[in-house]
Amino acid sequence: MDPKKKKEERKEDKEEKEEEDREPTEEELKAFIDRLRHANNKKPNRPPLALSFLIHPNYLVHMTLSFVVNALVAAVVLGFAASLTEPFVRVEPLGFILAFGLLTLLDNFFKILLYRYFLKVMLMSMGMISLIVLILILYTVDSMLTTGFTFEHVENLIFFAIFFSILRFFIVGYLRRFLNRSSIYSIKRR
């Protein structure tokens, strides 16, 4: 190998080593920090939880509205079933309040978990998983409350869950639309 080429290679190696050993400049540090900030600000491609099942952005208001909607829808379904002379549930006022308080708490807890960790499966099931979870929650509530709230038969529980979820879907949809419309109008007035 030519001595000039060896000398040039050693010189290039020396320059590369010096470049690696030198301290970064202030501009380079600022650019590096900006790149890190930009990388950390990227959010995952996941829709917010509010788009999935929340009625109101404030969680306390959501829970209150959810309890009211659940109680009203249950009263409508139970009244409709009673008018057909086929009551789904033997119910007393205190048992009704306790049952739908528990239903609201458990339903929201499991929906948060399911939408947080199994969003794709929940969307692909088109509500079937939500219905199965509702049936399991109603069965749990029925077995927890021995007096004041009992389903006559398992098929009554399933029919109740189906009618309850369909009616709740429409009422929550209208309620969301009303709440979103009123918040938009209040912003325009300012």
C-alpha atoms as a PDB file:
ATOM      1  CA  MET A   1       0.000   0.000   0.000  1.00  0.00           C
ATOM      2  CA  ASP A   2       1.149   3.475  -0.845  1.00  0.00           C
ATOM      3  CA  PRO A   3       2.573   5.488   2.126  1.00  0.00           C
ATOM      4  CA  LYS A   4       0.571   8.579   1.089  1.00  0.00           C
ATOM      5  CA  LYS A   5      -2.679   6.635   1.275  1.00  0.00           C
ATOM      6  CA  LYS A   6      -1.771   5.249   4.708  1.00  0.00           C
ATOM      7  CA  LYS A   7      -0.996   8.740   5.919  1.00  0.00           C
ATOM      8  CA  GLU A   8      -4.328  10.043   4.597  1.00  0.00           C
ATOM      9  CA  GLU A   9      -6.259   7.179   6.224  1.00  0.00           C
ATOM     10  CA  ARG A  10      -4.554   7.812   9.553  1.00  0.00           C
ATOM     11  CA  LYS A  11      -5.361  11.499   9.239  1.00  0.00           C
ATOM     12  CA  GLU A  12      -9.037  10.740   8.487  1.00  0.00           C
ATOM     13  CA  ASP A  13      -9.199   8.290  11.405  1.00  0.00           C
ATOM     14  CA  LYS A  14      -7.669  10.902  13.688  1.00  0.00           C
ATOM     15  CA  GLU A  15     -10.178  13.552  12.554  1.00  0.00           C
ATOM     16  CA  GLU A  16     -13.099  11.151  13.110  1.00  0.00           C
ATOM     17  CA  LYS A  17     -11.829  10.329  16.577  1.00  0.00           C
ATOM     18  CA  GLU A  18     -11.472  14.008  17.444  1.00  0.00           C
ATOM     19  CA  GLU A  19     -14.996  14.674  16.159  1.00  0.00           C
ATOM     20  CA  GLU A  20     -16.368  11.876  18.374  1.00  0.00           C
ATOM     21  CA  ASP A  21     -14.454  13.134  21.422  1.00  0.00           C
ATOM     22  CA  ARG A  22     -15.455  16.791  21.129  1.00  0.00           C
ATOM     23  CA  GLU A  23     -18.291  18.325  23.183  1.00  0.00           C
ATOM     24  CA  PRO A  24     -21.543  19.122  21.323  1.00  0.00           C
ATOM     25  CA  THR A  25     -22.303  22.744  20.641  1.00  0.00           C
ATOM     26  CA  GLU A  26     -25.243  24.614  22.137  1.00  0.00           C
ATOM     27  CA  GLU A  27     -27.187  24.540  18.851  1.00  0.00           C
ATOM     28  CA  GLU A  28     -26.717  20.791  18.548  1.00  0.00           C
ATOM     29  CA  LEU A  29     -27.962  20.280  22.121  1.00  0.00           C
ATOM     30  CA  LYS A  30     -31.037  22.460  21.494  1.00  0.00           C
ATOM     31  CA  ALA A  31     -31.824  20.560  18.301  1.00  0.00           C
ATOM     32  CA  PHE A  32     -31.445  17.253  20.142  1.00  0.00           C
ATOM     33  CA  ILE A  33     -33.770  18.401  22.970  1.00  0.00           C
ATOM     34  CA  ASP A  34     -36.357  19.599  20.443  1.00  0.00           C
ATOM     35  CA  ARG A  35     -36.274  16.232  18.689  1.00  0.00           C
ATOM     36  CA  LEU A  36     -36.802  14.465  22.035  1.00  0.00           C
ATOM     37  CA  ARG A  37     -39.708  16.745  22.928  1.00  0.00           C
ATOM     38  CA  HIS A  38     -41.311  16.177  19.555  1.00  0.00           C
ATOM     39  CA  ALA A  39     -40.898  12.404  19.924  1.00  0.00           C
ATOM     40  CA  ASN A  40     -42.423  12.432  23.440  1.00  0.00           C
ATOM     41  CA  ASN A  41     -45.390  14.571  22.375  1.00  0.00           C
ATOM     42  CA  LYS A  42     -46.560  12.008  19.864  1.00  0.00           C
ATOM     43  CA  LYS A  43     -49.758  10.420  21.123  1.00  0.00           C
ATOM     44  CA  PRO A  44     -50.741   6.858  20.306  1.00  0.00           C
ATOM     45  CA  ASN A  45     -53.249   6.358  17.522  1.00  0.00           C
ATOM     46  CA  ARG A  46     -56.052   5.563  19.933  1.00  0.00           C
ATOM     47  CA  PRO A  47     -59.370   7.401  20.049  1.00  0.00           C
ATOM     48  CA  PRO A  48     -60.096   9.103  23.346  1.00  0.00           C
ATOM     49  CA  LEU A  49     -62.131   7.202  25.891  1.00  0.00           C
ATOM     50  CA  ALA A  50     -64.818   9.896  25.743  1.00  0.00           C
ATOM     51  CA  LEU A  51     -65.693   8.887  22.187  1.00  0.00           C
ATOM     52  CA  SER A  52     -66.366   5.319  23.211  1.00  0.00           C
ATOM     53  CA  PHE A  53     -69.054   5.372  25.876  1.00  0.00           C
ATOM     54  CA  LEU A  54     -68.930   8.484  28.089  1.00  0.00           C
ATOM     55  CA  ILE A  55     -72.047  10.632  28.108  1.00  0.00           C
ATOM     56  CA  HIS A  56     -70.334  13.731  29.530  1.00  0.00           C
ATOM     57  CA  PRO A  57     -66.629  14.710  29.750  1.00  0.00           C
ATOM     58  CA  ASN A  58     -66.899  15.255  33.517  1.00  0.00           C
ATOM     59  CA  TYR A  59     -66.843  11.767  35.022  1.00  0.00           C
ATOM     60  CA  LEU A  60     -69.028  12.606  38.043  1.00  0.00           C
ATOM     61  CA  VAL A  61     -71.688  14.088  35.766  1.00  0.00           C
ATOM     62  CA  HIS A  62     -71.335  11.059  33.496  1.00  0.00           C
ATOM     63  CA  MET A  63     -71.924   8.653  36.398  1.00  0.00           C
ATOM     64  CA  THR A  64     -74.969  10.627  37.572  1.00  0.00           C
ATOM     65  CA  LEU A  65     -76.455  10.767  34.084  1.00  0.00           C
ATOM     66  CA  SER A  66     -75.628   7.108  33.560  1.00  0.00           C
ATOM     67  CA  PHE A  67     -77.472   6.123  36.756  1.00  0.00           C
ATOM     68  CA  VAL A  68     -80.510   8.231  35.820  1.00  0.00           C
ATOM     69  CA  VAL A  69     -80.600   6.823  32.290  1.00  0.00           C
ATOM     70  CA  ASN A  70     -80.167   3.242  33.534  1.00  0.00           C
ATOM     71  CA  ALA A  71     -82.960   3.667  36.102  1.00  0.00           C
ATOM     72  CA  LEU A  72     -85.348   5.284  33.608  1.00  0.00           C
ATOM     73  CA  VAL A  73     -84.677   2.724  30.887  1.00  0.00           C
ATOM     74  CA  ALA A  74     -85.077  -0.129  33.368  1.00  0.00           C
ATOM     75  CA  ALA A  75     -88.374   1.346  34.591  1.00  0.00           C
ATOM     76  CA  VAL A  76     -89.616   1.597  30.996  1.00  0.00           C
ATOM     77  CA  VAL A  77     -88.586  -1.974  30.141  1.00  0.00           C
ATOM     78  CA  LEU A  78     -90.058  -3.351  33.368  1.00  0.00           C
ATOM     79  CA  GLY A  79     -93.280  -1.396  32.844  1.00  0.00           C
ATOM     80  CA  PHE A  80     -93.563  -2.625  29.271  1.00  0.00           C
ATOM     81  CA  ALA A  81     -93.001  -6.217  30.406  1.00  0.00           C
ATOM     82  CA  ALA A  82     -95.574  -5.829  33.198  1.00  0.00           C
ATOM     83  CA  SER A  83     -98.135  -4.533  30.697  1.00  0.00           C
ATOM     84  CA  LEU A  84     -97.657  -7.762  28.736  1.00  0.00           C
ATOM     85  CA  THR A  85     -98.442  -9.699  31.939  1.00  0.00           C
ATOM     86  CA  GLU A  86     -94.953 -11.214  31.840  1.00  0.00           C
ATOM     87  CA  PRO A  87     -92.882  -9.440  34.508  1.00  0.00           C
ATOM     88  CA  PHE A  88     -89.177  -9.973  34.031  1.00  0.00           C
ATOM     89  CA  VAL A  89     -88.208  -9.156  37.580  1.00  0.00           C
ATOM     90  CA  ARG A  90     -89.673  -9.231  41.071  1.00  0.00           C
ATOM     91  CA  VAL A  91     -88.607  -5.825  42.297  1.00  0.00           C
ATOM     92  CA  GLU A  92     -89.028  -3.540  45.300  1.00  0.00           C
ATOM     93  CA  PRO A  93     -88.089   0.181  45.352  1.00  0.00           C
ATOM     94  CA  LEU A  94     -84.971  -0.208  47.515  1.00  0.00           C
ATOM     95  CA  GLY A  95     -83.847  -3.264  45.552  1.00  0.00           C
ATOM     96  CA  PHE A  96     -84.375  -1.343  42.301  1.00  0.00           C
ATOM     97  CA  ILE A  97     -82.177   1.563  43.430  1.00  0.00           C
ATOM     98  CA  LEU A  98     -79.455  -0.738  44.760  1.00  0.00           C
ATOM     99  CA  ALA A  99     -79.544  -2.964  41.689  1.00  0.00           C
ATOM    100  CA  PHE A 100     -79.177  -0.139  39.195  1.00  0.00           C
ATOM    101  CA  GLY A 101     -76.611   1.658  41.342  1.00  0.00           C
ATOM    102  CA  LEU A 102     -74.501  -1.512  41.256  1.00  0.00           C
ATOM    103  CA  LEU A 103     -75.236  -1.987  37.557  1.00  0.00           C
ATOM    104  CA  THR A 104     -74.054   1.555  36.803  1.00  0.00           C
ATOM    105  CA  LEU A 105     -70.836   1.160  38.794  1.00  0.00           C
ATOM    106  CA  LEU A 106     -69.945  -2.273  37.421  1.00  0.00           C
ATOM    107  CA  ASP A 107     -70.957  -1.401  33.862  1.00  0.00           C
ATOM    108  CA  ASN A 108     -68.772   1.707  33.801  1.00  0.00           C
ATOM    109  CA  PHE A 109     -65.846  -0.109  35.409  1.00  0.00           C
ATOM    110  CA  PHE A 110     -65.901  -2.966  32.895  1.00  0.00           C
ATOM    111  CA  LYS A 111     -66.482  -0.657  29.929  1.00  0.00           C
ATOM    112  CA  ILE A 112     -63.455   1.421  30.891  1.00  0.00           C
ATOM    113  CA  LEU A 113     -61.334  -1.730  31.041  1.00  0.00           C
ATOM    114  CA  LEU A 114     -62.701  -3.177  27.812  1.00  0.00           C
ATOM    115  CA  TYR A 115     -62.434   0.047  25.794  1.00  0.00           C
ATOM    116  CA  ARG A 116     -58.975   0.749  27.204  1.00  0.00           C
ATOM    117  CA  TYR A 117     -57.400  -2.638  26.505  1.00  0.00           C
ATOM    118  CA  PHE A 118     -59.624  -4.303  23.885  1.00  0.00           C
ATOM    119  CA  LEU A 119     -60.815  -1.391  21.751  1.00  0.00           C
ATOM    120  CA  LYS A 120     -60.379  -3.176  18.427  1.00  0.00           C
ATOM    121  CA  VAL A 121     -62.268  -6.250  19.627  1.00  0.00           C
ATOM    122  CA  MET A 122     -65.051  -4.077  21.073  1.00  0.00           C
ATOM    123  CA  LEU A 123     -65.465  -2.221  17.790  1.00  0.00           C
ATOM    124  CA  MET A 124     -65.362  -5.390  15.703  1.00  0.00           C
ATOM    125  CA  SER A 125     -67.972  -7.129  17.884  1.00  0.00           C
ATOM    126  CA  MET A 126     -70.509  -4.353  17.148  1.00  0.00           C
ATOM    127  CA  GLY A 127     -71.868  -4.367  20.688  1.00  0.00           C
ATOM    128  CA  MET A 128     -72.116  -8.101  21.278  1.00  0.00           C
ATOM    129  CA  ILE A 129     -69.377  -8.066  23.907  1.00  0.00           C
ATOM    130  CA  SER A 130     -71.104  -5.162  25.665  1.00  0.00           C
ATOM    131  CA  LEU A 131     -74.343  -7.153  25.689  1.00  0.00           C
ATOM    132  CA  ILE A 132     -72.629 -10.250  27.092  1.00  0.00           C
ATOM    133  CA  VAL A 133     -70.951  -8.128  29.777  1.00  0.00           C
ATOM    134  CA  LEU A 134     -74.333  -6.558  30.615  1.00  0.00           C
ATOM    135  CA  ILE A 135     -75.924 -10.007  30.961  1.00  0.00           C
ATOM    136  CA  LEU A 136     -73.096 -11.145  33.247  1.00  0.00           C
ATOM    137  CA  ILE A 137     -73.362  -7.966  35.340  1.00  0.00           C
ATOM    138  CA  LEU A 138     -77.135  -8.353  35.668  1.00  0.00           C
ATOM    139  CA  TYR A 139     -76.666 -11.969  36.722  1.00  0.00           C
ATOM    140  CA  THR A 140     -74.073 -10.882  39.297  1.00  0.00           C
ATOM    141  CA  VAL A 141     -76.355  -8.151  40.653  1.00  0.00           C
ATOM    142  CA  ASP A 142     -79.256 -10.607  40.768  1.00  0.00           C
ATOM    143  CA  SER A 143     -77.194 -13.085  42.763  1.00  0.00           C
ATOM    144  CA  MET A 144     -75.789 -10.375  45.071  1.00  0.00           C
ATOM    145  CA  LEU A 145     -79.167  -8.898  45.983  1.00  0.00           C
ATOM    146  CA  THR A 146     -81.184 -11.708  47.493  1.00  0.00           C
ATOM    147  CA  THR A 147     -84.254  -9.580  48.274  1.00  0.00           C
ATOM    148  CA  GLY A 148     -85.820  -6.743  46.349  1.00  0.00           C
ATOM    149  CA  PHE A 149     -84.491  -7.639  42.904  1.00  0.00           C
ATOM    150  CA  THR A 150     -84.679 -11.113  41.390  1.00  0.00           C
ATOM    151  CA  PHE A 151     -85.195 -12.308  37.838  1.00  0.00           C
ATOM    152  CA  GLU A 152     -87.816 -15.020  37.417  1.00  0.00           C
ATOM    153  CA  HIS A 153     -85.857 -17.055  34.839  1.00  0.00           C
ATOM    154  CA  VAL A 154     -82.563 -16.824  32.946  1.00  0.00           C
ATOM    155  CA  GLU A 155     -84.364 -16.106  29.663  1.00  0.00           C
ATOM    156  CA  ASN A 156     -86.084 -13.135  31.343  1.00  0.00           C
ATOM    157  CA  LEU A 157     -82.648 -11.807  32.256  1.00  0.00           C
ATOM    158  CA  ILE A 158     -81.498 -12.164  28.627  1.00  0.00           C
ATOM    159  CA  PHE A 159     -84.644 -10.516  27.207  1.00  0.00           C
ATOM    160  CA  PHE A 160     -84.356  -7.710  29.745  1.00  0.00           C
ATOM    161  CA  ALA A 161     -80.682  -7.154  28.857  1.00  0.00           C
ATOM    162  CA  ILE A 162     -81.443  -7.033  25.121  1.00  0.00           C
ATOM    163  CA  PHE A 163     -84.346  -4.572  25.421  1.00  0.00           C
ATOM    164  CA  PHE A 164     -82.472  -2.555  28.045  1.00  0.00           C
ATOM    165  CA  SER A 165     -79.334  -2.180  25.911  1.00  0.00           C
ATOM    166  CA  ILE A 166     -81.291  -1.250  22.752  1.00  0.00           C
ATOM    167  CA  LEU A 167     -83.354   1.414  24.519  1.00  0.00           C
ATOM    168  CA  ARG A 168     -80.319   2.721  26.424  1.00  0.00           C
ATOM    169  CA  PHE A 169     -78.370   3.003  23.162  1.00  0.00           C
ATOM    170  CA  PHE A 170     -80.989   5.333  21.653  1.00  0.00           C
ATOM    171  CA  ILE A 171     -81.503   7.428  24.789  1.00  0.00           C
ATOM    172  CA  VAL A 172     -77.760   7.881  25.379  1.00  0.00           C
ATOM    173  CA  GLY A 173     -77.333   8.842  21.713  1.00  0.00           C
ATOM    174  CA  TYR A 174     -79.998  11.556  21.981  1.00  0.00           C
ATOM    175  CA  LEU A 175     -78.598  12.715  25.317  1.00  0.00           C
ATOM    176  CA  ARG A 176     -75.072  13.014  23.885  1.00  0.00           C
ATOM    177  CA  ARG A 177     -76.404  14.932  20.903  1.00  0.00           C
ATOM    178  CA  PHE A 178     -78.334  17.298  23.184  1.00  0.00           C
ATOM    179  CA  LEU A 179     -75.359  17.876  25.508  1.00  0.00           C
ATOM    180  CA  ASN A 180     -72.940  18.454  22.619  1.00  0.00           C
ATOM    181  CA  ARG A 181     -75.365  20.822  20.868  1.00  0.00           C
ATOM    182  CA  SER A 182     -75.929  22.907  24.004  1.00  0.00           C
ATOM    183  CA  SER A 183     -72.156  23.171  24.670  1.00  0.00           C
ATOM    184  CA  ILE A 184     -71.586  24.310  21.055  1.00  0.00           C
ATOM    185  CA  TYR A 185     -74.260  27.011  21.381  1.00  0.00           C
ATOM    186  CA  SER A 186     -72.762  28.288  24.626  1.00  0.00           C
ATOM    187  CA  ILE A 187     -69.364  28.634  22.916  1.00  0.00           C
ATOM    188  CA  LYS A 188     -70.869  30.603  19.994  1.00  0.00           C
ATOM    189  CA  ARG A 189     -72.580  33.065  22.358  1.00  0.00           C
ATOM    190  CA  ARG A 190     -69.314  34.136  23.975  1.00  0.00           C
END
